[in-house]
Amino acid sequence: MQQKRGKGGPAYRSPGHRFFGNISYDRPTQDELEGVMRGQVTEFIDDPGRSPLLVEILLENGKKIYTIAAEGLKVGDLVEFGKDARLGIGCLKPLNAVPDGTPIFNLEVVPGDGGRIARVAGASAKVVGRDEDTGRVSVQLASKALKELPGACRATIGIACGGGRLEKPFKKAGNKFYAMRAVNREYPVVRRTAMSAYDHPHGGRSFGKSSTRSHNAPPGKKCGQIGARRTGRRRGKSVVTQ
């Protein structure tokens, strides 16, 4: 298998033809910038390339859009987009119009980029403050880190659906097999430390050697912690503020 890795073989090829495609917010329309635009939830889509469900929304102008579904959203619900949108689950608002303490997900980092933060199942962030002079909004991420974003960045109200999906055990190897096959992952994978010494540098049951490797290591030896400054868990508490 080591000789096949990186050659684009079936076991290492992304099944992109089964994925739904790029999901991001459309560029804001004039109705969304000046007031509110409404739509209705028509369908949920299970995309094998993502952990949360996708939702299909039919807008007033007849256009269909697709975005990440919020927890608690159901078919037939009405959602709103824009500065004057109501504070409801699944509604899209700019950060400067979201009250402090409101859970949000699928945040934009730059206005109009379509959403880049808190997009996985069960992810959310929280508005904690704002600077009236600069117009920037402080958002607390799930990691407790604070991030300042422009007030014009948009976000969806609520929590991304699918939270807790990792809490359910697979219980059977067959279930794990089909889950890995959906995203074309190599499975099962033999632990490198369980191999023989001639199969892998980590094999041979001779523990105690460093797992760090130089950037200049030759092919076949370049595995483990490549050019690592340090290994192991970081100790102490640190919160990144930007």
C-alpha atoms as a PDB file:
ATOM      1  CA  MET A   1       0.000   0.000   0.000  1.00  0.00           C
ATOM      2  CA  GLN A   2       2.866   2.370   0.640  1.00  0.00           C
ATOM      3  CA  GLN A   3       3.849   2.213  -3.012  1.00  0.00           C
ATOM      4  CA  LYS A   4       0.282   3.080  -4.105  1.00  0.00           C
ATOM      5  CA  ARG A   5      -0.151   6.170  -1.928  1.00  0.00           C
ATOM      6  CA  GLY A   6      -0.110   9.451  -3.816  1.00  0.00           C
ATOM      7  CA  LYS A   7      -0.544   7.896  -7.258  1.00  0.00           C
ATOM      8  CA  GLY A   8      -4.279   8.622  -7.609  1.00  0.00           C
ATOM      9  CA  GLY A   9      -5.392   5.001  -7.316  1.00  0.00           C
ATOM     10  CA  PRO A  10      -8.971   4.006  -6.406  1.00  0.00           C
ATOM     11  CA  ALA A  11      -8.184   3.700  -2.695  1.00  0.00           C
ATOM     12  CA  TYR A  12      -6.769   7.223  -2.529  1.00  0.00           C
ATOM     13  CA  ARG A  13      -9.056   9.092  -4.940  1.00  0.00           C
ATOM     14  CA  SER A  14     -11.664  11.551  -3.650  1.00  0.00           C
ATOM     15  CA  PRO A  15     -15.228  10.555  -4.630  1.00  0.00           C
ATOM     16  CA  GLY A  16     -16.095  14.143  -5.505  1.00  0.00           C
ATOM     17  CA  HIS A  17     -18.720  13.025  -8.012  1.00  0.00           C
ATOM     18  CA  ARG A  18     -20.860  11.899  -5.055  1.00  0.00           C
ATOM     19  CA  PHE A  19     -20.482  15.156  -3.121  1.00  0.00           C
ATOM     20  CA  PHE A  20     -23.001  17.958  -3.444  1.00  0.00           C
ATOM     21  CA  GLY A  21     -20.412  20.612  -4.249  1.00  0.00           C
ATOM     22  CA  ASN A  22     -19.421  23.982  -2.866  1.00  0.00           C
ATOM     23  CA  ILE A  23     -21.884  25.384  -0.315  1.00  0.00           C
ATOM     24  CA  SER A  24     -21.649  29.079   0.484  1.00  0.00           C
ATOM     25  CA  TYR A  25     -23.851  32.138   0.820  1.00  0.00           C
ATOM     26  CA  ASP A  26     -24.822  33.898  -2.387  1.00  0.00           C
ATOM     27  CA  ARG A  27     -23.767  37.496  -2.805  1.00  0.00           C
ATOM     28  CA  PRO A  28     -26.275  39.712  -0.962  1.00  0.00           C
ATOM     29  CA  THR A  29     -29.074  41.107  -3.111  1.00  0.00           C
ATOM     30  CA  GLN A  30     -30.435  44.619  -2.883  1.00  0.00           C
ATOM     31  CA  ASP A  31     -33.489  43.389  -0.962  1.00  0.00           C
ATOM     32  CA  GLU A  32     -31.222  41.696   1.563  1.00  0.00           C
ATOM     33  CA  LEU A  33     -29.040  44.778   1.999  1.00  0.00           C
ATOM     34  CA  GLU A  34     -31.925  47.232   2.409  1.00  0.00           C
ATOM     35  CA  GLY A  35     -34.460  45.112   4.266  1.00  0.00           C
ATOM     36  CA  VAL A  36     -35.398  41.435   4.305  1.00  0.00           C
ATOM     37  CA  MET A  37     -35.800  38.562   1.853  1.00  0.00           C
ATOM     38  CA  ARG A  38     -37.882  35.513   2.733  1.00  0.00           C
ATOM     39  CA  GLY A  39     -37.805  31.858   1.795  1.00  0.00           C
ATOM     40  CA  GLN A  40     -39.281  28.490   2.743  1.00  0.00           C
ATOM     41  CA  VAL A  41     -37.546  25.236   3.631  1.00  0.00           C
ATOM     42  CA  THR A  42     -38.468  22.619   1.014  1.00  0.00           C
ATOM     43  CA  GLU A  43     -36.021  19.734   1.503  1.00  0.00           C
ATOM     44  CA  PHE A  44     -33.083  18.380   3.472  1.00  0.00           C
ATOM     45  CA  ILE A  45     -30.125  16.778   1.694  1.00  0.00           C
ATOM     46  CA  ASP A  46     -27.680  14.273   3.194  1.00  0.00           C
ATOM     47  CA  ASP A  47     -24.319  15.088   1.622  1.00  0.00           C
ATOM     48  CA  PRO A  48     -21.746  12.283   2.151  1.00  0.00           C
ATOM     49  CA  GLY A  49     -18.963  14.861   1.951  1.00  0.00           C
ATOM     50  CA  ARG A  50     -20.190  16.815   5.010  1.00  0.00           C
ATOM     51  CA  SER A  51     -21.184  16.034   8.564  1.00  0.00           C
ATOM     52  CA  PRO A  52     -24.265  18.335   8.805  1.00  0.00           C
ATOM     53  CA  LEU A  53     -27.324  18.131   6.580  1.00  0.00           C
ATOM     54  CA  LEU A  54     -27.908  20.634   3.809  1.00  0.00           C
ATOM     55  CA  VAL A  55     -31.184  22.502   3.439  1.00  0.00           C
ATOM     56  CA  GLU A  56     -32.907  23.600   0.230  1.00  0.00           C
ATOM     57  CA  ILE A  57     -34.672  26.954   0.516  1.00  0.00           C
ATOM     58  CA  LEU A  58     -37.104  28.334  -2.076  1.00  0.00           C
ATOM     59  CA  LEU A  59     -36.914  32.135  -2.162  1.00  0.00           C
ATOM     60  CA  GLU A  60     -39.717  34.567  -2.982  1.00  0.00           C
ATOM     61  CA  ASN A  61     -38.239  35.219  -6.419  1.00  0.00           C
ATOM     62  CA  GLY A  62     -38.396  31.503  -7.279  1.00  0.00           C
ATOM     63  CA  LYS A  63     -34.673  30.832  -6.863  1.00  0.00           C
ATOM     64  CA  LYS A  64     -33.464  27.809  -4.879  1.00  0.00           C
ATOM     65  CA  ILE A  65     -30.458  28.118  -2.595  1.00  0.00           C
ATOM     66  CA  TYR A  66     -28.607  25.514  -0.545  1.00  0.00           C
ATOM     67  CA  THR A  67     -26.915  26.064   2.793  1.00  0.00           C
ATOM     68  CA  ILE A  68     -26.017  24.235   6.016  1.00  0.00           C
ATOM     69  CA  ALA A  69     -29.100  23.356   8.045  1.00  0.00           C
ATOM     70  CA  ALA A  70     -29.655  24.646  11.567  1.00  0.00           C
ATOM     71  CA  GLU A  71     -30.645  22.408  14.476  1.00  0.00           C
ATOM     72  CA  GLY A  72     -34.446  22.417  14.892  1.00  0.00           C
ATOM     73  CA  LEU A  73     -35.257  23.500  11.329  1.00  0.00           C
ATOM     74  CA  LYS A  74     -37.992  21.517   9.544  1.00  0.00           C
ATOM     75  CA  VAL A  75     -39.692  21.381   6.154  1.00  0.00           C
ATOM     76  CA  GLY A  76     -42.166  24.220   5.733  1.00  0.00           C
ATOM     77  CA  ASP A  77     -40.401  26.663   8.051  1.00  0.00           C
ATOM     78  CA  LEU A  78     -40.045  30.256   6.871  1.00  0.00           C
ATOM     79  CA  VAL A  79     -36.589  31.803   7.067  1.00  0.00           C
ATOM     80  CA  GLU A  80     -35.477  35.368   6.434  1.00  0.00           C
ATOM     81  CA  PHE A  81     -32.298  36.932   5.071  1.00  0.00           C
ATOM     82  CA  GLY A  82     -31.109  40.462   5.591  1.00  0.00           C
ATOM     83  CA  LYS A  83     -30.453  43.256   8.039  1.00  0.00           C
ATOM     84  CA  ASP A  84     -34.083  43.389   9.221  1.00  0.00           C
ATOM     85  CA  ALA A  85     -34.575  39.608   9.359  1.00  0.00           C
ATOM     86  CA  ARG A  86     -36.163  38.242  12.513  1.00  0.00           C
ATOM     87  CA  LEU A  87     -33.981  36.524  15.114  1.00  0.00           C
ATOM     88  CA  GLY A  88     -35.119  32.985  14.304  1.00  0.00           C
ATOM     89  CA  ILE A  89     -33.443  29.629  13.746  1.00  0.00           C
ATOM     90  CA  GLY A  90     -31.953  29.396  10.267  1.00  0.00           C
ATOM     91  CA  CYS A  91     -32.238  33.113   9.498  1.00  0.00           C
ATOM     92  CA  LEU A  92     -29.270  34.944   7.981  1.00  0.00           C
ATOM     93  CA  LYS A  93     -28.198  38.288   9.428  1.00  0.00           C
ATOM     94  CA  PRO A  94     -25.086  40.499   9.435  1.00  0.00           C
ATOM     95  CA  LEU A  95     -23.123  40.385  12.676  1.00  0.00           C
ATOM     96  CA  ASN A  96     -23.818  44.044  13.487  1.00  0.00           C
ATOM     97  CA  ALA A  97     -27.543  43.172  13.661  1.00  0.00           C
ATOM     98  CA  VAL A  98     -27.129  40.113  15.926  1.00  0.00           C
ATOM     99  CA  PRO A  99     -27.613  40.733  19.696  1.00  0.00           C
ATOM    100  CA  ASP A 100     -24.912  39.712  22.151  1.00  0.00           C
ATOM    101  CA  GLY A 101     -25.122  36.126  23.401  1.00  0.00           C
ATOM    102  CA  THR A 102     -26.845  34.804  20.270  1.00  0.00           C
ATOM    103  CA  PRO A 103     -25.536  31.431  18.968  1.00  0.00           C
ATOM    104  CA  ILE A 104     -24.498  31.581  15.314  1.00  0.00           C
ATOM    105  CA  PHE A 105     -22.728  29.359  12.801  1.00  0.00           C
ATOM    106  CA  ASN A 106     -21.306  29.465   9.263  1.00  0.00           C
ATOM    107  CA  LEU A 107     -19.682  32.850   9.818  1.00  0.00           C
ATOM    108  CA  GLU A 108     -18.028  34.911   7.140  1.00  0.00           C
ATOM    109  CA  VAL A 109     -14.496  36.156   7.797  1.00  0.00           C
ATOM    110  CA  VAL A 110     -14.597  38.731   4.996  1.00  0.00           C
ATOM    111  CA  PRO A 111     -17.965  40.170   3.904  1.00  0.00           C
ATOM    112  CA  GLY A 112     -19.180  38.179   0.929  1.00  0.00           C
ATOM    113  CA  ASP A 113     -16.841  35.160   1.223  1.00  0.00           C
ATOM    114  CA  GLY A 114     -19.789  32.773   1.735  1.00  0.00           C
ATOM    115  CA  GLY A 115     -19.048  31.481   5.250  1.00  0.00           C
ATOM    116  CA  ARG A 116     -15.888  29.862   6.600  1.00  0.00           C
ATOM    117  CA  ILE A 117     -16.149  29.428  10.408  1.00  0.00           C
ATOM    118  CA  ALA A 118     -18.251  26.926  12.442  1.00  0.00           C
ATOM    119  CA  ARG A 119     -19.531  24.792   9.550  1.00  0.00           C
ATOM    120  CA  VAL A 120     -19.265  21.236  10.926  1.00  0.00           C
ATOM    121  CA  ALA A 121     -22.051  19.328  12.677  1.00  0.00           C
ATOM    122  CA  GLY A 122     -22.935  20.815  16.064  1.00  0.00           C
ATOM    123  CA  ALA A 123     -20.640  23.825  15.618  1.00  0.00           C
ATOM    124  CA  SER A 124     -21.555  27.295  16.831  1.00  0.00           C
ATOM    125  CA  ALA A 125     -20.040  30.572  17.960  1.00  0.00           C
ATOM    126  CA  LYS A 126     -21.390  33.415  20.073  1.00  0.00           C
ATOM    127  CA  VAL A 127     -21.462  37.189  19.733  1.00  0.00           C
ATOM    128  CA  VAL A 128     -19.926  38.686  22.878  1.00  0.00           C
ATOM    129  CA  GLY A 129     -19.374  42.366  22.085  1.00  0.00           C
ATOM    130  CA  ARG A 130     -18.919  45.076  19.505  1.00  0.00           C
ATOM    131  CA  ASP A 131     -16.845  48.200  18.905  1.00  0.00           C
ATOM    132  CA  GLU A 132     -19.013  51.116  17.815  1.00  0.00           C
ATOM    133  CA  ASP A 133     -16.022  53.134  16.608  1.00  0.00           C
ATOM    134  CA  THR A 134     -14.576  50.532  14.220  1.00  0.00           C
ATOM    135  CA  GLY A 135     -17.806  48.634  13.501  1.00  0.00           C
ATOM    136  CA  ARG A 136     -16.165  45.280  14.304  1.00  0.00           C
ATOM    137  CA  VAL A 137     -17.912  42.545  16.269  1.00  0.00           C
ATOM    138  CA  SER A 138     -16.243  40.217  18.802  1.00  0.00           C
ATOM    139  CA  VAL A 139     -17.164  36.553  18.416  1.00  0.00           C
ATOM    140  CA  GLN A 140     -16.276  33.747  20.820  1.00  0.00           C
ATOM    141  CA  LEU A 141     -15.507  30.481  19.022  1.00  0.00           C
ATOM    142  CA  ALA A 142     -16.041  26.974  20.379  1.00  0.00           C
ATOM    143  CA  SER A 143     -12.382  26.937  21.436  1.00  0.00           C
ATOM    144  CA  LYS A 144     -13.082  29.977  23.699  1.00  0.00           C
ATOM    145  CA  ALA A 145     -10.865  32.070  21.432  1.00  0.00           C
ATOM    146  CA  LEU A 146     -12.087  35.565  20.596  1.00  0.00           C
ATOM    147  CA  LYS A 147     -12.102  36.785  17.020  1.00  0.00           C
ATOM    148  CA  GLU A 148     -12.940  40.266  15.788  1.00  0.00           C
ATOM    149  CA  LEU A 149     -14.843  40.331  12.493  1.00  0.00           C
ATOM    150  CA  PRO A 150     -16.289  43.141  10.357  1.00  0.00           C
ATOM    151  CA  GLY A 151     -19.892  43.933  11.225  1.00  0.00           C
ATOM    152  CA  ALA A 152     -20.983  43.345   7.623  1.00  0.00           C
ATOM    153  CA  CYS A 153     -20.020  39.637   7.812  1.00  0.00           C
ATOM    154  CA  ARG A 154     -23.073  37.400   7.740  1.00  0.00           C
ATOM    155  CA  ALA A 155     -23.913  34.368   9.871  1.00  0.00           C
ATOM    156  CA  THR A 156     -26.803  31.954  10.362  1.00  0.00           C
ATOM    157  CA  ILE A 157     -28.740  32.050  13.628  1.00  0.00           C
ATOM    158  CA  GLY A 158     -28.656  28.831  15.651  1.00  0.00           C
ATOM    159  CA  ILE A 159     -26.435  25.751  15.857  1.00  0.00           C
ATOM    160  CA  ALA A 160     -25.364  23.591  12.912  1.00  0.00           C
ATOM    161  CA  CYS A 161     -27.433  20.401  12.848  1.00  0.00           C
ATOM    162  CA  GLY A 162     -25.991  16.952  13.517  1.00  0.00           C
ATOM    163  CA  GLY A 163     -24.407  17.672  16.885  1.00  0.00           C
ATOM    164  CA  GLY A 164     -23.528  14.563  18.882  1.00  0.00           C
ATOM    165  CA  ARG A 165     -23.228  12.298  15.854  1.00  0.00           C
ATOM    166  CA  LEU A 166     -19.845  11.026  17.101  1.00  0.00           C
ATOM    167  CA  GLU A 167     -21.371   9.933  20.417  1.00  0.00           C
ATOM    168  CA  LYS A 168     -23.159   6.982  18.830  1.00  0.00           C
ATOM    169  CA  PRO A 169     -20.794   3.979  18.620  1.00  0.00           C
ATOM    170  CA  PHE A 170     -20.439   1.999  15.396  1.00  0.00           C
ATOM    171  CA  LYS A 171     -20.564  -1.299  17.357  1.00  0.00           C
ATOM    172  CA  LYS A 172     -19.855  -3.380  14.231  1.00  0.00           C
ATOM    173  CA  ALA A 173     -16.921  -3.336  11.855  1.00  0.00           C
ATOM    174  CA  GLY A 174     -19.347  -3.405   8.928  1.00  0.00           C
ATOM    175  CA  ASN A 175     -20.895  -0.085   9.938  1.00  0.00           C
ATOM    176  CA  LYS A 176     -17.451   1.482  10.116  1.00  0.00           C
ATOM    177  CA  PHE A 177     -16.598  -0.026   6.725  1.00  0.00           C
ATOM    178  CA  TYR A 178     -19.578   1.577   4.988  1.00  0.00           C
ATOM    179  CA  ALA A 179     -18.983   4.907   6.709  1.00  0.00           C
ATOM    180  CA  MET A 180     -15.407   4.951   5.444  1.00  0.00           C
ATOM    181  CA  ARG A 181     -16.417   3.804   1.980  1.00  0.00           C
ATOM    182  CA  ALA A 182     -18.784   6.773   1.639  1.00  0.00           C
ATOM    183  CA  VAL A 183     -15.805   9.149   1.750  1.00  0.00           C
ATOM    184  CA  ASN A 184     -13.382   6.669   0.122  1.00  0.00           C
ATOM    185  CA  ARG A 185     -11.046   6.385   3.110  1.00  0.00           C
ATOM    186  CA  GLU A 186      -8.511   3.599   3.312  1.00  0.00           C
ATOM    187  CA  TYR A 187      -9.917   1.164   5.880  1.00  0.00           C
ATOM    188  CA  PRO A 188      -8.861  -0.781   7.845  1.00  0.00           C
ATOM    189  CA  VAL A 189      -5.411   0.687   8.480  1.00  0.00           C
ATOM    190  CA  VAL A 190      -2.770  -1.353  10.288  1.00  0.00           C
ATOM    191  CA  ARG A 191      -1.031   0.521  13.095  1.00  0.00           C
ATOM    192  CA  ARG A 192       2.513   1.346  12.067  1.00  0.00           C
ATOM    193  CA  THR A 193       3.862   0.237  15.451  1.00  0.00           C
ATOM    194  CA  ALA A 194       2.268  -3.190  14.886  1.00  0.00           C
ATOM    195  CA  MET A 195       4.286  -3.746  11.706  1.00  0.00           C
ATOM    196  CA  SER A 196       7.634  -5.406  11.353  1.00  0.00           C
ATOM    197  CA  ALA A 197      10.791  -3.336  11.222  1.00  0.00           C
ATOM    198  CA  TYR A 198      11.248  -3.939   7.502  1.00  0.00           C
ATOM    199  CA  ASP A 199       7.688  -2.749   6.750  1.00  0.00           C
ATOM    200  CA  HIS A 200       7.804   0.619   8.480  1.00  0.00           C
ATOM    201  CA  PRO A 201      10.271   2.789  10.458  1.00  0.00           C
ATOM    202  CA  HIS A 202       7.924   2.664  13.459  1.00  0.00           C
ATOM    203  CA  GLY A 203       7.729  -1.140  13.428  1.00  0.00           C
ATOM    204  CA  GLY A 204       9.804  -3.766  15.177  1.00  0.00           C
ATOM    205  CA  ARG A 205       8.416  -3.327  18.705  1.00  0.00           C
ATOM    206  CA  SER A 206      11.496  -1.308  19.646  1.00  0.00           C
ATOM    207  CA  PHE A 207       9.853   1.606  21.413  1.00  0.00           C
ATOM    208  CA  GLY A 208      11.700   4.596  22.803  1.00  0.00           C
ATOM    209  CA  LYS A 209      12.983   6.120  19.582  1.00  0.00           C
ATOM    210  CA  SER A 210      12.007   9.667  18.707  1.00  0.00           C
ATOM    211  CA  SER A 211       9.098  10.075  16.275  1.00  0.00           C
ATOM    212  CA  THR A 212      10.449  13.356  14.905  1.00  0.00           C
ATOM    213  CA  ARG A 213      12.017  13.393  11.455  1.00  0.00           C
ATOM    214  CA  SER A 214      14.078  15.941   9.580  1.00  0.00           C
ATOM    215  CA  HIS A 215      12.695  17.757   6.567  1.00  0.00           C
ATOM    216  CA  ASN A 216      15.666  16.326   4.693  1.00  0.00           C
ATOM    217  CA  ALA A 217      14.845  12.701   5.544  1.00  0.00           C
ATOM    218  CA  PRO A 218      14.891  10.386   2.502  1.00  0.00           C
ATOM    219  CA  PRO A 219      11.722   8.744   1.136  1.00  0.00           C
ATOM    220  CA  GLY A 220      10.777   5.762   3.266  1.00  0.00           C
ATOM    221  CA  LYS A 221      12.133   7.375   6.417  1.00  0.00           C
ATOM    222  CA  LYS A 222      10.072  10.567   6.222  1.00  0.00           C
ATOM    223  CA  CYS A 223       7.193   9.623   8.499  1.00  0.00           C
ATOM    224  CA  GLY A 224       5.982  10.637  11.929  1.00  0.00           C
ATOM    225  CA  GLN A 225       6.466  14.188  13.216  1.00  0.00           C
ATOM    226  CA  ILE A 226       8.042  15.908  10.205  1.00  0.00           C
ATOM    227  CA  GLY A 227      10.242  18.829  11.251  1.00  0.00           C
ATOM    228  CA  ALA A 228       8.373  19.222  14.560  1.00  0.00           C
ATOM    229  CA  ARG A 229       9.500  21.883  17.004  1.00  0.00           C
ATOM    230  CA  ARG A 230       7.802  20.055  19.852  1.00  0.00           C
ATOM    231  CA  THR A 231       5.623  16.972  20.489  1.00  0.00           C
ATOM    232  CA  GLY A 232       2.934  16.134  23.006  1.00  0.00           C
ATOM    233  CA  ARG A 233       0.103  18.192  24.405  1.00  0.00           C
ATOM    234  CA  ARG A 234       0.556  21.835  25.211  1.00  0.00           C
ATOM    235  CA  ARG A 235       0.426  22.572  28.901  1.00  0.00           C
ATOM    236  CA  GLY A 236      -1.111  25.629  30.471  1.00  0.00           C
ATOM    237  CA  LYS A 237      -4.117  27.694  29.441  1.00  0.00           C
ATOM    238  CA  SER A 238      -3.981  30.145  26.576  1.00  0.00           C
ATOM    239  CA  VAL A 239      -6.724  32.020  24.750  1.00  0.00           C
ATOM    240  CA  VAL A 240      -5.949  33.492  21.351  1.00  0.00           C
ATOM    241  CA  THR A 241      -7.282  36.989  20.804  1.00  0.00           C
ATOM    242  CA  GLN A 242      -7.293  38.557  17.388  1.00  0.00           C
END
